[in-house]
Protein backbone atom coordinates (compact mmCIF):
# COMPACT_ATOMS: atom_id res chain seq x y z
CA HIS A 1 41.73 108.91 230.39
CA HIS A 2 39.04 106.99 229.25
CA GLY A 3 40.46 103.73 229.69
CA ARG A 4 40.52 100.53 227.29
CA GLU A 5 36.93 99.85 227.55
CA PHE A 6 36.12 103.37 225.81
CA ARG A 7 36.93 102.14 222.38
CA THR A 8 36.89 98.17 222.65
CA GLY A 9 34.36 96.98 219.85
CA LYS A 10 34.25 100.31 218.01
CA TYR A 11 35.79 101.97 215.11
CA ASN A 12 37.58 104.66 216.47
CA ILE A 13 38.57 107.79 214.48
CA GLY A 14 40.71 110.50 215.33
CA TYR A 15 40.07 113.89 214.31
CA PHE A 16 43.32 115.28 214.66
CA ALA A 17 44.18 118.94 213.88
CA TRP A 18 48.05 120.13 213.05
CA GLU A 19 49.27 123.33 211.96
CA THR A 20 52.74 122.71 210.25
CA PRO A 21 53.62 120.63 207.53
CA GLU A 22 55.48 118.09 209.60
CA PHE A 23 54.16 115.94 212.39
CA PRO A 24 55.59 115.58 215.70
CA ASP A 25 57.46 112.14 216.17
CA ALA A 26 56.57 112.51 219.80
CA TRP A 27 52.89 112.36 219.24
CA MET A 28 53.18 109.15 217.02
CA PRO A 29 52.11 106.68 219.81
CA SER A 30 48.74 108.61 219.52
CA PHE A 31 48.03 106.29 216.53
CA ASP A 32 47.58 103.61 218.75
CA PHE A 33 44.01 104.76 219.72
CA TYR A 34 42.63 104.80 216.42
CA ASP A 35 41.31 103.03 213.02
CA GLU A 36 41.70 106.23 211.00
CA ILE A 37 42.07 109.53 211.02
CA TRP A 38 40.37 112.77 209.77
CA CYS A 39 41.63 116.06 209.13
CA PRO A 40 40.14 119.66 208.66
CA SER A 41 42.28 120.06 205.63
CA ASP A 42 44.17 118.71 202.89
CA PHE A 43 47.29 120.26 204.14
CA THR A 44 46.84 118.79 207.47
CA ALA A 45 46.34 115.38 206.29
CA ALA A 46 49.35 115.47 203.92
CA ALA A 47 51.56 116.11 207.39
CA LEU A 48 49.98 113.20 208.94
CA ARG A 49 50.54 110.59 205.85
CA GLU A 50 53.75 111.15 205.85
CA LYS A 51 54.02 109.32 209.41
CA SER A 52 50.45 107.75 209.79
CA PRO A 53 50.51 103.70 209.69
CA LEU A 54 46.49 104.48 209.41
CA PRO A 55 44.27 105.81 206.68
CA VAL A 56 43.91 109.75 206.80
CA LEU A 57 40.92 111.22 205.17
CA THR A 58 40.32 115.23 204.74
CA MET A 59 36.91 115.99 206.72
CA PRO A 60 36.34 119.91 206.38
CA HIS A 61 34.79 121.71 208.83
CA ALA A 62 31.23 122.78 208.42
CA ILE A 63 30.58 126.12 208.80
CA ALA A 64 27.29 126.92 209.71
CA PHE A 65 25.81 128.99 212.56
CA ALA A 66 22.92 131.58 213.28
CA ARG A 67 23.89 134.93 212.00
CA PRO A 68 23.66 137.53 214.83
CA THR A 69 19.84 139.45 214.38
CA GLU A 70 21.47 142.92 215.93
CA SER A 71 22.51 145.82 213.70
CA THR A 72 25.93 146.59 212.95
CA ALA A 73 25.60 149.54 215.09
CA ALA A 74 23.90 147.69 217.72
CA LEU A 75 26.74 144.81 217.59
CA ARG A 76 29.72 147.67 217.93
CA GLU A 77 28.08 149.53 220.79
CA ARG A 78 27.37 146.33 222.59
CA LEU A 79 31.17 144.91 221.95
CA GLY A 80 32.32 148.59 222.51
CA LEU A 81 33.75 149.60 218.73
CA PRO A 82 33.65 152.55 217.10
CA ILE A 83 30.69 153.27 215.29
CA ASP A 84 31.82 155.20 212.21
CA ARG A 85 35.04 153.92 211.05
CA PHE A 86 35.78 150.85 208.75
CA LEU A 87 37.44 148.34 210.79
CA PHE A 88 39.57 145.80 210.34
CA LEU A 89 39.49 142.32 212.18
CA THR A 90 42.54 140.14 213.25
CA LEU A 91 41.95 137.54 216.33
CA PHE A 92 44.27 134.89 217.58
CA ASP A 93 44.61 132.99 221.25
CA LEU A 94 47.96 134.01 222.91
CA ASN A 95 48.52 130.58 224.04
CA SER A 96 48.76 129.44 220.77
CA TYR A 97 51.93 130.71 219.09
CA ALA A 98 52.07 134.24 218.26
CA GLU A 99 55.02 133.84 215.76
CA ARG A 100 52.33 131.42 213.19
CA LYS A 101 49.25 133.74 213.68
CA ASN A 102 51.33 136.89 213.17
CA PRO A 103 49.51 139.54 214.44
CA ARG A 104 52.44 141.55 214.05
CA GLY A 105 52.35 141.33 210.45
CA ALA A 106 48.75 142.44 210.25
CA ILE A 107 49.86 145.35 212.21
CA GLU A 108 52.58 146.44 210.11
CA ALA A 109 50.24 145.98 207.27
CA PHE A 110 48.06 148.59 208.84
CA ARG A 111 50.37 150.74 210.33
CA GLN A 112 51.78 150.68 206.21
CA ALA A 113 48.22 151.51 205.25
CA VAL A 114 48.07 154.29 207.58
CA LEU A 115 51.08 156.27 206.45
CA ALA A 116 50.43 155.78 202.74
CA SER A 117 47.01 157.80 202.80
CA GLU A 118 45.50 160.49 205.26
CA THR A 119 42.29 159.73 204.09
CA PHE A 120 42.46 155.70 204.75
CA ALA A 121 44.21 156.89 208.71
CA LYS A 122 40.90 159.07 209.54
CA GLN A 123 38.22 156.65 208.07
CA ALA A 124 39.86 152.74 209.37
CA THR A 125 40.57 151.14 212.61
CA LEU A 126 42.25 147.91 213.69
CA VAL A 127 40.65 145.65 215.87
CA VAL A 128 42.79 143.11 217.88
CA LYS A 129 40.94 140.31 219.69
CA VAL A 130 43.26 138.10 221.96
CA GLN A 131 42.38 135.43 224.56
CA ASN A 132 44.48 133.85 227.43
CA VAL A 133 46.37 137.01 228.36
CA ALA A 134 47.34 135.68 231.65
CA GLY A 135 50.18 133.74 231.60
CA ASN A 136 51.17 135.75 228.24
CA GLU A 137 51.44 138.71 230.04
CA ALA A 138 55.60 139.32 227.88
CA ASP A 139 53.78 138.69 224.65
CA PHE A 140 50.47 140.88 225.52
CA ALA A 141 53.13 143.70 226.61
CA ALA A 142 54.91 143.48 223.20
CA LEU A 143 51.23 143.59 221.24
CA GLN A 144 50.58 146.69 223.11
CA ALA A 145 54.12 148.58 222.29
CA GLY A 146 53.35 147.30 218.79
CA VAL A 147 50.02 149.14 218.28
CA ARG A 148 51.23 152.37 220.31
CA ASP A 149 51.91 154.38 217.40
CA LEU A 150 48.59 153.44 216.17
CA PRO A 151 46.37 155.32 219.18
CA ASP A 152 42.83 154.21 217.46
CA THR A 153 43.76 150.50 217.44
CA VAL A 154 41.33 148.27 219.89
CA LEU A 155 42.53 145.88 221.74
CA LEU A 156 39.79 143.12 223.01
CA THR A 157 40.75 141.12 225.55
CA GLU A 158 37.99 139.52 227.39
CA THR A 159 36.84 135.55 226.91
CA LEU A 160 34.14 136.01 224.39
CA SER A 161 31.40 133.25 224.22
CA ARG A 162 31.05 131.64 220.49
CA ALA A 163 27.82 133.98 219.71
CA ASP A 164 29.85 137.04 221.09
CA VAL A 165 32.92 135.91 218.73
CA TYR A 166 30.45 135.33 215.67
CA ALA A 167 28.70 138.96 216.83
CA LEU A 168 32.43 140.60 216.76
CA GLU A 169 33.23 138.91 213.42
CA ALA A 170 29.88 140.52 211.55
CA ALA A 171 30.50 143.55 213.74
CA CYS A 172 33.56 144.50 211.27
CA ASP A 173 33.76 145.01 207.97
CA CYS A 174 36.95 143.26 206.57
CA PHE A 175 38.88 140.02 208.43
CA VAL A 176 43.13 139.94 208.12
CA SER A 177 44.93 136.80 208.54
CA LEU A 178 48.33 137.08 207.70
CA HIS A 179 49.31 133.51 209.55
CA ARG A 180 52.42 131.92 208.51
CA SER A 181 50.37 128.60 208.78
CA GLU A 182 46.62 127.20 209.48
CA GLY A 183 45.39 123.70 210.04
CA PHE A 184 41.94 124.80 208.59
CA GLY A 185 40.99 128.57 209.50
CA LEU A 186 38.02 128.70 211.42
CA ALA A 187 37.98 132.73 211.71
CA VAL A 188 38.62 132.89 207.85
CA ALA A 189 35.97 131.16 207.40
CA GLU A 190 33.66 132.42 209.51
CA CYS A 191 33.70 135.81 208.03
CA MET A 192 33.36 134.34 204.75
CA TYR A 193 30.21 132.71 205.64
CA LEU A 194 29.25 135.83 206.95
CA GLY A 195 29.62 137.69 203.43
CA LYS A 196 32.91 139.90 204.85
CA PRO A 197 36.22 140.06 202.87
CA VAL A 198 38.86 138.18 204.15
CA ILE A 199 42.46 138.98 203.78
CA VAL A 200 45.02 136.28 204.03
CA THR A 201 48.28 134.19 203.28
CA ASP A 202 48.18 132.52 200.53
CA TRP A 203 49.48 129.29 202.02
CA SER A 204 48.45 126.36 204.22
CA ALA A 205 44.38 125.37 204.67
CA THR A 206 43.11 128.90 203.76
CA ALA A 207 44.93 128.64 200.36
CA GLU A 208 42.12 125.74 199.87
CA TYR A 209 39.35 127.58 199.69
CA VAL A 210 40.16 131.58 199.93
CA THR A 211 40.62 132.20 196.08
CA ALA A 212 41.33 135.28 194.06
CA GLU A 213 37.54 135.38 193.13
CA ASN A 214 36.07 135.03 196.63
CA GLY A 215 39.04 136.64 199.00
CA CYS A 216 42.32 138.68 198.89
CA PRO A 217 44.77 136.06 199.09
């Protein structure tokens, strides 16, 4: 796309984010353009080292951003969220594989908590933020069907600015990611940066920084 001159006479580094234990053979030609590869986690780096002819280094994301200055109540009002409930947030992009992000796991866990405690049912709400409904209508319809018996569930579908994603994370009380695999887990790390408790699958990249001391793996 950029042409050969874009790379000529330079030391070129590729930043590869990959989210499962095996790097695809079909992507092997990608290595031809670089001198070394950086990855966001040891999990991703291990997958690439199995096949990479180049040095592979772990260079995690640095999580730093301006924390929202609005009060929690103001954030919730602006984002259309319940003011007086304990909010569990899960989010994912419908263009990503839903089976990997596993929103159904978060929904089922919430359903079990609701069934187990009448108090929980009255005080807690699940917020599901999705993106790219267009082109993924069947997946979104399945998601809607999955929360039909949880009438208080909030489904957010609009595309948010990066600042408003941070605002959404700040407005909620707990982040849930019952993923089947993550290459890093940006939303998990962002919520931890905001001081939120996180409930996370204890496997893949998130296991490198979410421990029993700082979260709920």
